[in-house]
Amino acid sequence: MRVNIAYSADIEDVPREVCKLIQALSINHEGLIDRAVLSLEEDNVDSAIENIDKVRQEMYQVDQRLADCSAILQGYIKTKYTPPPNTSEMQDTLEGIEQQLEDMGAEIENDPTS
């Protein structure tokens, strides 16, 4: 079962942290591929199947880690390069909502059926 692990880092440290995640990948499938080929050359199909399966499992783990790194870096770019929201527009929207709530409250108070 895969789980997400989260920790915080300064925005400027994100590329360095992703680099550490990539460097931590253990990729030794080349030796397993060589062993699978050698096993087939020696007519040891069971051993070849076992080595091929190990390569596939490693490649899956690498793919998952790289997908995580890609998602982290996409979030980094979005966060770093998206301009901060226009607070005056947000203030106008908030004031509009407050006015609508006040109007609705007044309507409820003046409603003879309530």
N, C-alpha and C. Protein backbone atom coordinates (compact mmCIF):
# COMPACT_ATOMS: atom_id res chain seq x y z
N MET A 1 0.84 -1.17 0.00
CA MET A 1 0.00 0.00 0.00
C MET A 1 0.89 1.24 0.00
N ARG A 2 0.55 2.19 -0.86
CA ARG A 2 1.30 3.44 -0.92
C ARG A 2 0.61 4.47 -0.04
N VAL A 3 1.40 5.26 0.66
CA VAL A 3 0.90 6.35 1.48
C VAL A 3 1.67 7.62 1.14
N ASN A 4 1.07 8.76 1.38
CA ASN A 4 1.75 10.03 1.18
C ASN A 4 2.45 10.42 2.46
N ILE A 5 3.67 10.91 2.31
CA ILE A 5 4.44 11.42 3.44
C ILE A 5 4.68 12.90 3.14
N ALA A 6 4.34 13.75 4.08
CA ALA A 6 4.49 15.18 3.84
C ALA A 6 5.43 15.79 4.88
N TYR A 7 6.21 16.75 4.44
CA TYR A 7 6.99 17.57 5.35
C TYR A 7 7.18 18.92 4.69
N SER A 8 7.46 19.92 5.48
CA SER A 8 7.57 21.26 4.92
C SER A 8 9.03 21.60 4.64
N ALA A 9 9.20 22.47 3.65
CA ALA A 9 10.53 22.97 3.29
C ALA A 9 10.35 24.37 2.76
N ASP A 10 11.37 25.18 2.88
CA ASP A 10 11.33 26.51 2.31
C ASP A 10 11.18 26.40 0.80
N ILE A 11 10.44 27.31 0.21
CA ILE A 11 10.15 27.26 -1.23
C ILE A 11 11.43 27.19 -2.06
N GLU A 12 12.46 27.86 -1.62
CA GLU A 12 13.72 27.87 -2.37
C GLU A 12 14.45 26.52 -2.29
N ASP A 13 14.10 25.69 -1.30
CA ASP A 13 14.76 24.40 -1.13
C ASP A 13 14.08 23.27 -1.89
N VAL A 14 12.94 23.53 -2.50
CA VAL A 14 12.17 22.46 -3.16
C VAL A 14 12.99 21.74 -4.24
N PRO A 15 13.63 22.45 -5.17
CA PRO A 15 14.41 21.71 -6.17
C PRO A 15 15.49 20.81 -5.55
N ARG A 16 16.14 21.29 -4.51
CA ARG A 16 17.19 20.50 -3.85
C ARG A 16 16.58 19.26 -3.17
N GLU A 17 15.41 19.42 -2.56
CA GLU A 17 14.74 18.28 -1.91
C GLU A 17 14.31 17.24 -2.94
N VAL A 18 13.81 17.69 -4.08
CA VAL A 18 13.41 16.77 -5.14
C VAL A 18 14.64 16.05 -5.68
N CYS A 19 15.74 16.76 -5.78
CA CYS A 19 16.99 16.14 -6.23
C CYS A 19 17.39 15.00 -5.29
N LYS A 20 17.24 15.21 -4.00
CA LYS A 20 17.55 14.15 -3.02
C LYS A 20 16.65 12.94 -3.23
N LEU A 21 15.36 13.19 -3.50
CA LEU A 21 14.44 12.08 -3.73
C LEU A 21 14.84 11.26 -4.96
N ILE A 22 15.26 11.95 -5.99
CA ILE A 22 15.66 11.25 -7.22
C ILE A 22 16.95 10.48 -6.98
N GLN A 23 17.90 11.10 -6.30
CA GLN A 23 19.17 10.43 -6.04
C GLN A 23 19.01 9.21 -5.16
N ALA A 24 17.96 9.18 -4.33
CA ALA A 24 17.75 8.05 -3.43
C ALA A 24 17.19 6.82 -4.15
N LEU A 25 16.84 6.99 -5.42
CA LEU A 25 16.32 5.84 -6.16
C LEU A 25 17.42 4.80 -6.33
N SER A 26 17.05 3.57 -6.11
CA SER A 26 17.99 2.47 -6.28
C SER A 26 17.69 1.80 -7.61
N ILE A 27 18.52 2.08 -8.58
CA ILE A 27 18.29 1.51 -9.91
C ILE A 27 19.44 0.55 -10.22
N ASN A 28 19.14 -0.73 -10.10
CA ASN A 28 20.17 -1.73 -10.44
C ASN A 28 19.58 -2.78 -11.36
N HIS A 29 18.63 -2.36 -12.18
CA HIS A 29 17.96 -3.33 -13.05
C HIS A 29 18.86 -3.79 -14.20
N GLU A 30 19.91 -3.06 -14.48
CA GLU A 30 20.79 -3.49 -15.57
C GLU A 30 21.39 -4.87 -15.28
N GLY A 31 21.82 -5.07 -14.05
CA GLY A 31 22.37 -6.37 -13.67
C GLY A 31 21.32 -7.46 -13.74
N LEU A 32 20.09 -7.12 -13.35
CA LEU A 32 19.01 -8.10 -13.41
C LEU A 32 18.69 -8.46 -14.86
N ILE A 33 18.73 -7.48 -15.74
CA ILE A 33 18.47 -7.75 -17.16
C ILE A 33 19.55 -8.67 -17.71
N ASP A 34 20.80 -8.38 -17.37
CA ASP A 34 21.90 -9.24 -17.82
C ASP A 34 21.71 -10.67 -17.30
N ARG A 35 21.28 -10.79 -16.04
CA ARG A 35 21.05 -12.14 -15.49
C ARG A 35 19.90 -12.84 -16.18
N ALA A 36 18.86 -12.08 -16.55
CA ALA A 36 17.72 -12.68 -17.26
C ALA A 36 18.18 -13.21 -18.62
N VAL A 37 18.99 -12.43 -19.32
CA VAL A 37 19.50 -12.86 -20.63
C VAL A 37 20.38 -14.09 -20.46
N LEU A 38 21.26 -14.05 -19.46
CA LEU A 38 22.14 -15.20 -19.22
C LEU A 38 21.32 -16.44 -18.87
N SER A 39 20.28 -16.25 -18.06
CA SER A 39 19.42 -17.38 -17.69
C SER A 39 18.77 -17.99 -18.92
N LEU A 40 18.32 -17.14 -19.83
CA LEU A 40 17.69 -17.64 -21.06
C LEU A 40 18.71 -18.36 -21.94
N GLU A 41 19.91 -17.83 -22.00
CA GLU A 41 20.97 -18.47 -22.78
C GLU A 41 21.31 -19.85 -22.22
N GLU A 42 21.12 -19.99 -20.88
CA GLU A 42 21.39 -21.27 -20.22
C GLU A 42 20.12 -22.11 -20.10
N ASP A 43 19.06 -21.73 -20.79
CA ASP A 43 17.77 -22.43 -20.76
C ASP A 43 17.15 -22.51 -19.36
N ASN A 44 17.43 -21.51 -18.52
CA ASN A 44 16.86 -21.44 -17.18
C ASN A 44 15.74 -20.39 -17.20
N VAL A 45 14.61 -20.79 -17.74
CA VAL A 45 13.48 -19.87 -17.94
C VAL A 45 12.93 -19.38 -16.60
N ASP A 46 12.86 -20.24 -15.60
CA ASP A 46 12.33 -19.83 -14.29
C ASP A 46 13.14 -18.68 -13.71
N SER A 47 14.44 -18.76 -13.79
CA SER A 47 15.31 -17.70 -13.29
C SER A 47 15.12 -16.41 -14.10
N ALA A 48 14.97 -16.55 -15.42
CA ALA A 48 14.76 -15.39 -16.27
C ALA A 48 13.45 -14.69 -15.89
N ILE A 49 12.40 -15.48 -15.68
CA ILE A 49 11.11 -14.90 -15.29
C ILE A 49 11.25 -14.14 -13.97
N GLU A 50 11.94 -14.73 -13.02
CA GLU A 50 12.14 -14.10 -11.72
C GLU A 50 12.88 -12.77 -11.86
N ASN A 51 13.94 -12.75 -12.66
CA ASN A 51 14.72 -11.52 -12.85
C ASN A 51 13.92 -10.46 -13.61
N ILE A 52 13.16 -10.88 -14.60
CA ILE A 52 12.32 -9.93 -15.33
C ILE A 52 11.29 -9.31 -14.40
N ASP A 53 10.69 -10.11 -13.53
CA ASP A 53 9.71 -9.60 -12.58
C ASP A 53 10.35 -8.59 -11.63
N LYS A 54 11.56 -8.88 -11.18
CA LYS A 54 12.25 -7.94 -10.28
C LYS A 54 12.51 -6.61 -10.99
N VAL A 55 12.90 -6.67 -12.26
CA VAL A 55 13.13 -5.45 -13.04
C VAL A 55 11.83 -4.65 -13.15
N ARG A 56 10.75 -5.34 -13.45
CA ARG A 56 9.45 -4.66 -13.57
C ARG A 56 9.05 -3.98 -12.26
N GLN A 57 9.27 -4.66 -11.13
CA GLN A 57 8.93 -4.08 -9.84
C GLN A 57 9.78 -2.83 -9.56
N GLU A 58 11.07 -2.92 -9.87
CA GLU A 58 11.94 -1.76 -9.68
C GLU A 58 11.53 -0.60 -10.57
N MET A 59 11.20 -0.91 -11.81
CA MET A 59 10.79 0.14 -12.74
C MET A 59 9.49 0.80 -12.27
N TYR A 60 8.59 0.04 -11.69
CA TYR A 60 7.36 0.60 -11.14
C TYR A 60 7.67 1.57 -10.00
N GLN A 61 8.57 1.15 -9.10
CA GLN A 61 8.94 2.02 -7.99
C GLN A 61 9.60 3.30 -8.47
N VAL A 62 10.46 3.17 -9.48
CA VAL A 62 11.11 4.35 -10.05
C VAL A 62 10.06 5.26 -10.69
N ASP A 63 9.14 4.67 -11.43
CA ASP A 63 8.09 5.45 -12.07
C ASP A 63 7.25 6.20 -11.05
N GLN A 64 6.89 5.54 -9.96
CA GLN A 64 6.10 6.19 -8.91
C GLN A 64 6.85 7.35 -8.29
N ARG A 65 8.13 7.16 -7.99
CA ARG A 65 8.93 8.22 -7.38
C ARG A 65 9.08 9.40 -8.34
N LEU A 66 9.31 9.10 -9.61
CA LEU A 66 9.46 10.18 -10.59
C LEU A 66 8.14 10.93 -10.79
N ALA A 67 7.02 10.22 -10.73
CA ALA A 67 5.71 10.89 -10.81
C ALA A 67 5.52 11.82 -9.62
N ASP A 68 5.91 11.36 -8.43
CA ASP A 68 5.82 12.20 -7.24
C ASP A 68 6.69 13.45 -7.40
N CYS A 69 7.92 13.26 -7.89
CA CYS A 69 8.84 14.39 -8.08
C CYS A 69 8.28 15.37 -9.10
N SER A 70 7.70 14.86 -10.15
CA SER A 70 7.11 15.73 -11.17
C SER A 70 5.97 16.55 -10.58
N ALA A 71 5.12 15.93 -9.79
CA ALA A 71 4.00 16.64 -9.17
C ALA A 71 4.50 17.71 -8.20
N ILE A 72 5.52 17.39 -7.45
CA ILE A 72 6.10 18.37 -6.51
C ILE A 72 6.63 19.57 -7.27
N LEU A 73 7.36 19.31 -8.35
CA LEU A 73 7.94 20.41 -9.12
C LEU A 73 6.88 21.23 -9.85
N GLN A 74 5.79 20.60 -10.28
CA GLN A 74 4.70 21.36 -10.89
C GLN A 74 4.06 22.29 -9.86
N GLY A 75 3.87 21.79 -8.65
CA GLY A 75 3.34 22.63 -7.57
C GLY A 75 4.29 23.76 -7.22
N TYR A 76 5.58 23.46 -7.24
CA TYR A 76 6.61 24.46 -6.98
C TYR A 76 6.53 25.60 -7.99
N ILE A 77 6.47 25.24 -9.27
CA ILE A 77 6.40 26.26 -10.32
C ILE A 77 5.12 27.08 -10.18
N LYS A 78 4.02 26.41 -9.93
CA LYS A 78 2.75 27.12 -9.79
C LYS A 78 2.80 28.09 -8.61
N THR A 79 3.35 27.64 -7.50
CA THR A 79 3.43 28.49 -6.31
C THR A 79 4.42 29.63 -6.50
N LYS A 80 5.56 29.33 -7.07
CA LYS A 80 6.62 30.33 -7.19
C LYS A 80 6.28 31.40 -8.22
N TYR A 81 5.63 31.03 -9.29
CA TYR A 81 5.46 31.97 -10.39
C TYR A 81 4.03 32.47 -10.58
N THR A 82 3.10 32.08 -9.74
CA THR A 82 1.75 32.63 -9.80
C THR A 82 1.72 33.90 -8.96
N PRO A 83 1.29 35.00 -9.56
CA PRO A 83 1.27 36.25 -8.78
C PRO A 83 0.27 36.14 -7.62
N PRO A 84 0.56 36.84 -6.55
CA PRO A 84 -0.37 36.80 -5.42
C PRO A 84 -1.73 37.35 -5.83
N PRO A 85 -2.79 36.89 -5.19
CA PRO A 85 -4.12 37.36 -5.56
C PRO A 85 -4.26 38.85 -5.32
N ASN A 86 -5.09 39.48 -6.13
CA ASN A 86 -5.37 40.90 -6.00
C ASN A 86 -6.29 41.08 -4.81
N THR A 87 -5.74 41.62 -3.73
CA THR A 87 -6.52 41.73 -2.49
C THR A 87 -7.65 42.73 -2.61
N SER A 88 -7.50 43.74 -3.47
CA SER A 88 -8.61 44.71 -3.60
C SER A 88 -9.81 44.05 -4.25
N GLU A 89 -9.57 43.16 -5.23
CA GLU A 89 -10.68 42.43 -5.85
C GLU A 89 -11.33 41.51 -4.83
N MET A 90 -10.51 40.85 -4.01
CA MET A 90 -11.05 39.97 -2.99
C MET A 90 -11.87 40.77 -1.98
N GLN A 91 -11.39 41.96 -1.62
CA GLN A 91 -12.11 42.81 -0.67
C GLN A 91 -13.45 43.23 -1.26
N ASP A 92 -13.47 43.61 -2.56
CA ASP A 92 -14.72 43.98 -3.22
C ASP A 92 -15.71 42.83 -3.21
N THR A 93 -15.22 41.62 -3.51
CA THR A 93 -16.08 40.44 -3.51
C THR A 93 -16.64 40.18 -2.12
N LEU A 94 -15.79 40.28 -1.12
CA LEU A 94 -16.24 40.06 0.26
C LEU A 94 -17.29 41.09 0.66
N GLU A 95 -17.08 42.34 0.30
CA GLU A 95 -18.05 43.38 0.63
C GLU A 95 -19.37 43.12 -0.09
N GLY A 96 -19.31 42.64 -1.34
CA GLY A 96 -20.52 42.31 -2.07
C GLY A 96 -21.29 41.18 -1.41
N ILE A 97 -20.59 40.19 -0.94
CA ILE A 97 -21.23 39.06 -0.25
C ILE A 97 -21.85 39.53 1.06
N GLU A 98 -21.12 40.37 1.79
CA GLU A 98 -21.65 40.89 3.05
C GLU A 98 -22.94 41.68 2.81
N GLN A 99 -22.96 42.47 1.73
CA GLN A 99 -24.15 43.25 1.41
C GLN A 99 -25.32 42.33 1.07
N GLN A 100 -25.04 41.28 0.31
CA GLN A 100 -26.10 40.33 -0.04
C GLN A 100 -26.65 39.66 1.21
N LEU A 101 -25.79 39.31 2.15
CA LEU A 101 -26.25 38.69 3.40
C LEU A 101 -27.11 39.67 4.21
N GLU A 102 -26.68 40.93 4.26
CA GLU A 102 -27.47 41.93 4.97
C GLU A 102 -28.84 42.09 4.32
N ASP A 103 -28.87 42.15 2.99
CA ASP A 103 -30.14 42.29 2.26
C ASP A 103 -31.05 41.09 2.53
N MET A 104 -30.46 39.90 2.52
CA MET A 104 -31.25 38.70 2.78
C MET A 104 -31.79 38.71 4.20
N GLY A 105 -30.96 39.16 5.15
CA GLY A 105 -31.40 39.25 6.54
C GLY A 105 -32.55 40.23 6.69
N ALA A 106 -32.46 41.37 5.98
CA ALA A 106 -33.53 42.37 6.05
C ALA A 106 -34.81 41.82 5.44
N GLU A 107 -34.68 41.09 4.34
CA GLU A 107 -35.86 40.50 3.71
C GLU A 107 -36.54 39.52 4.65
N ILE A 108 -35.75 38.72 5.34
CA ILE A 108 -36.30 37.74 6.28
C ILE A 108 -37.02 38.43 7.43
N GLU A 109 -36.43 39.52 7.95
CA GLU A 109 -37.05 40.26 9.05
C GLU A 109 -38.36 40.91 8.61
N ASN A 110 -38.43 41.36 7.38
CA ASN A 110 -39.61 42.05 6.88
C ASN A 110 -40.65 41.11 6.28
N ASP A 111 -40.33 39.82 6.21
CA ASP A 111 -41.25 38.84 5.62
C ASP A 111 -42.36 38.55 6.62
N PRO A 112 -43.61 38.84 6.27
CA PRO A 112 -44.71 38.60 7.22
C PRO A 112 -44.98 37.12 7.48
N THR A 113 -44.47 36.22 6.64
CA THR A 113 -44.73 34.78 6.85
C THR A 113 -43.76 34.17 7.84
N SER A 114 -42.74 34.91 8.24
CA SER A 114 -41.75 34.30 9.13
C SER A 114 -42.02 34.63 10.58
